[in-house]
Amino acid sequence: MGLVLAAGILIADQASKAAFLNLGLLEGMSRPLFGPFNLTMVWNKGISFGLLSAHHDLARWALTLFAMAVAIFLGSMLRTADRRLLAIGLGLVMGGAIGNAIDRIRFGAVVDFFDATSLMFPWIFNLADSAITIGVIFLLLDSLLHKPDAPGAD
């Protein structure tokens, strides 16, 4: 289930970014989406939601390698994930990490465009960022709800 979810997130993320880039907006340009939401072109050189912005090639490749290492680690965890929340969380984070890593490889930065700044949400983000955030929430819920077996309980 988690690998299928990761693949679905990856495909949806890359498709949404391709559709957005086809609008031809330049850096900083916006288009209204609906209500308080806009589409705003941002090349994010940092991590999720523009945090730790990195303008150096070494940082770009370090972030890319880190994201791919995380994805490989999560993929190995998915092979043995036996709980629904765990598998969903791992799949969401894995798909989002790979989606943003692909952008860094292709463009040198991540394509961000969902803009909810009028709602006091200060970051412009993409589907991969959302998947990573929601995935981490699922992983936290799983860790809170899962009671590991007591040592020696067979």
Protein backbone atom coordinates (compact mmCIF):
# COMPACT_ATOMS: atom_id res chain seq x y z
CA MET A 1 0.00 0.00 0.00
CA GLY A 2 2.77 2.47 0.92
CA LEU A 3 4.73 2.01 -2.31
CA VAL A 4 1.59 2.52 -4.39
CA LEU A 5 0.83 5.68 -2.40
CA ALA A 6 4.42 6.92 -2.87
CA ALA A 7 4.15 6.36 -6.63
CA GLY A 8 0.78 8.13 -6.74
CA ILE A 9 2.12 11.14 -4.82
CA LEU A 10 5.17 11.29 -7.08
CA ILE A 11 3.05 11.21 -10.25
CA ALA A 12 0.53 13.76 -8.94
CA ASP A 13 3.33 16.06 -7.72
CA GLN A 14 5.24 16.02 -11.00
CA ALA A 15 2.03 16.41 -13.06
CA SER A 16 0.88 19.38 -10.96
CA LYS A 17 4.28 21.04 -11.32
CA ALA A 18 4.33 20.46 -15.09
CA ALA A 19 0.84 21.94 -15.44
CA PHE A 20 1.84 24.94 -13.34
CA LEU A 21 5.06 25.55 -15.28
CA ASN A 22 3.02 25.52 -18.50
CA LEU A 23 1.30 28.70 -17.26
CA GLY A 24 4.57 30.50 -17.99
CA LEU A 25 4.63 32.62 -14.83
CA LEU A 26 7.92 34.31 -13.99
CA GLU A 27 9.43 34.19 -10.49
CA GLY A 28 7.14 36.04 -8.07
CA MET A 29 4.20 36.33 -10.49
CA SER A 30 0.76 35.22 -9.23
CA ARG A 31 -2.59 34.15 -10.62
CA PRO A 32 -5.75 33.89 -8.54
CA LEU A 33 -6.86 30.31 -7.97
CA PHE A 34 -10.03 30.64 -5.87
CA GLY A 35 -10.97 32.53 -2.73
CA PRO A 36 -7.87 33.34 -0.69
CA PHE A 37 -5.66 30.99 -2.71
CA ASN A 38 -3.28 31.98 -5.49
CA LEU A 39 -0.78 30.29 -7.76
CA THR A 40 2.56 32.04 -7.27
CA MET A 41 5.81 31.06 -8.99
CA VAL A 42 8.68 30.44 -6.57
CA TRP A 43 11.93 28.57 -7.16
CA ASN A 44 12.68 27.11 -3.73
CA LYS A 45 16.36 26.42 -3.16
CA GLY A 46 15.74 25.19 0.42
CA ILE A 47 13.71 22.34 1.90
CA SER A 48 9.96 22.07 2.48
CA PHE A 49 8.16 25.42 2.62
CA GLY A 50 11.39 27.27 1.71
CA LEU A 51 13.11 26.51 4.99
CA LEU A 52 16.92 26.50 5.07
CA SER A 53 17.17 28.17 1.68
CA ALA A 54 20.39 27.14 0.00
CA HIS A 55 21.87 29.16 -2.85
CA HIS A 56 25.00 27.12 -3.36
CA ASP A 57 25.38 24.10 -5.67
CA LEU A 58 26.95 22.04 -2.89
CA ALA A 59 23.88 22.60 -0.69
CA ARG A 60 21.59 21.75 -3.61
CA TRP A 61 23.28 18.40 -4.18
CA ALA A 62 23.54 17.70 -0.46
CA LEU A 63 19.78 18.22 -0.11
CA THR A 64 19.16 16.01 -3.15
CA LEU A 65 21.38 13.21 -1.84
CA PHE A 66 19.80 13.47 1.60
CA ALA A 67 16.28 13.26 0.12
CA MET A 68 17.22 10.21 -1.94
CA ALA A 69 18.85 8.53 1.07
CA VAL A 70 15.68 9.19 3.08
CA ALA A 71 13.56 7.75 0.26
CA ILE A 72 15.70 4.59 0.12
CA PHE A 73 15.53 4.20 3.90
CA LEU A 74 11.74 4.71 3.90
CA GLY A 75 11.39 2.22 1.06
CA SER A 76 13.24 -0.38 3.11
CA MET A 77 11.00 0.36 6.10
CA LEU A 78 7.93 -0.02 3.88
CA ARG A 79 8.90 -3.60 3.07
CA THR A 80 8.19 -4.60 6.67
CA ALA A 81 5.54 -2.01 7.61
CA ASP A 82 2.64 -3.97 9.06
CA ARG A 83 0.50 -1.09 10.31
CA ARG A 84 -1.75 1.07 8.13
CA LEU A 85 -0.76 4.48 9.60
CA LEU A 86 2.92 3.59 9.33
CA ALA A 87 2.63 2.48 5.69
CA ILE A 88 0.61 5.58 4.73
CA GLY A 89 3.02 7.93 6.51
CA LEU A 90 6.08 6.32 4.95
CA GLY A 91 4.50 6.36 1.48
CA LEU A 92 3.55 10.04 1.72
CA VAL A 93 7.00 11.14 2.90
CA MET A 94 8.77 8.93 0.36
CA GLY A 95 6.70 10.18 -2.60
CA GLY A 96 7.13 13.81 -1.57
CA ALA A 97 10.88 13.48 -0.98
CA ILE A 98 11.43 11.91 -4.40
CA GLY A 99 9.21 14.52 -6.10
CA ASN A 100 11.20 17.43 -4.68
CA ALA A 101 14.52 15.67 -5.36
CA ILE A 102 13.57 15.30 -9.03
CA ASP A 103 13.00 19.07 -9.19
CA ARG A 104 16.41 19.78 -7.67
CA ILE A 105 18.06 17.50 -10.22
CA ARG A 106 16.11 18.92 -13.20
CA PHE A 107 15.94 22.60 -12.29
CA GLY A 108 18.41 23.24 -9.46
CA ALA A 109 15.47 24.23 -7.24
CA VAL A 110 12.01 22.99 -6.28
CA VAL A 111 8.91 24.37 -8.01
CA ASP A 112 6.57 25.86 -5.36
CA PHE A 113 3.27 27.47 -6.32
CA PHE A 114 0.38 26.95 -3.86
CA ASP A 115 0.01 30.30 -2.13
CA ALA A 116 -2.18 30.73 0.95
CA THR A 117 -0.31 33.73 2.36
CA SER A 118 -3.55 35.72 2.63
CA LEU A 119 -4.65 33.16 5.26
CA MET A 120 -1.60 34.05 7.38
CA PHE A 121 0.23 30.93 6.12
CA PRO A 122 3.63 32.40 5.27
CA TRP A 123 4.93 29.72 2.89
CA ILE A 124 4.35 28.93 -0.75
CA PHE A 125 4.47 25.17 -1.23
CA ASN A 126 3.73 22.25 -3.55
CA LEU A 127 2.01 18.88 -3.39
CA ALA A 128 5.22 17.11 -2.32
CA ASP A 129 5.62 19.48 0.65
CA SER A 130 2.03 18.75 1.69
CA ALA A 131 2.56 15.00 1.36
CA ILE A 132 5.72 15.16 3.49
CA THR A 133 3.96 17.19 6.19
CA ILE A 134 0.87 14.95 6.29
CA GLY A 135 3.11 11.87 6.19
CA VAL A 136 5.05 13.06 9.24
CA ILE A 137 1.73 13.58 11.07
CA PHE A 138 0.72 9.99 10.21
CA LEU A 139 4.09 8.72 11.45
CA LEU A 140 3.69 10.63 14.72
CA LEU A 141 0.16 9.26 15.16
CA ASP A 142 1.42 5.75 14.50
CA SER A 143 4.18 6.12 17.08
CA LEU A 144 1.68 7.43 19.66
CA LEU A 145 -0.94 4.76 19.01
CA HIS A 146 1.33 1.74 18.51
CA LYS A 147 2.24 -0.13 21.66
CA PRO A 148 5.40 -2.19 21.03
CA ASP A 149 5.49 -5.72 22.40
CA ALA A 150 7.04 -6.01 25.84
CA PRO A 151 10.57 -7.51 25.83
CA GLY A 152 10.44 -11.29 26.17
CA ALA A 153 6.69 -11.48 25.39
CA ASP A 154 6.41 -14.40 22.97
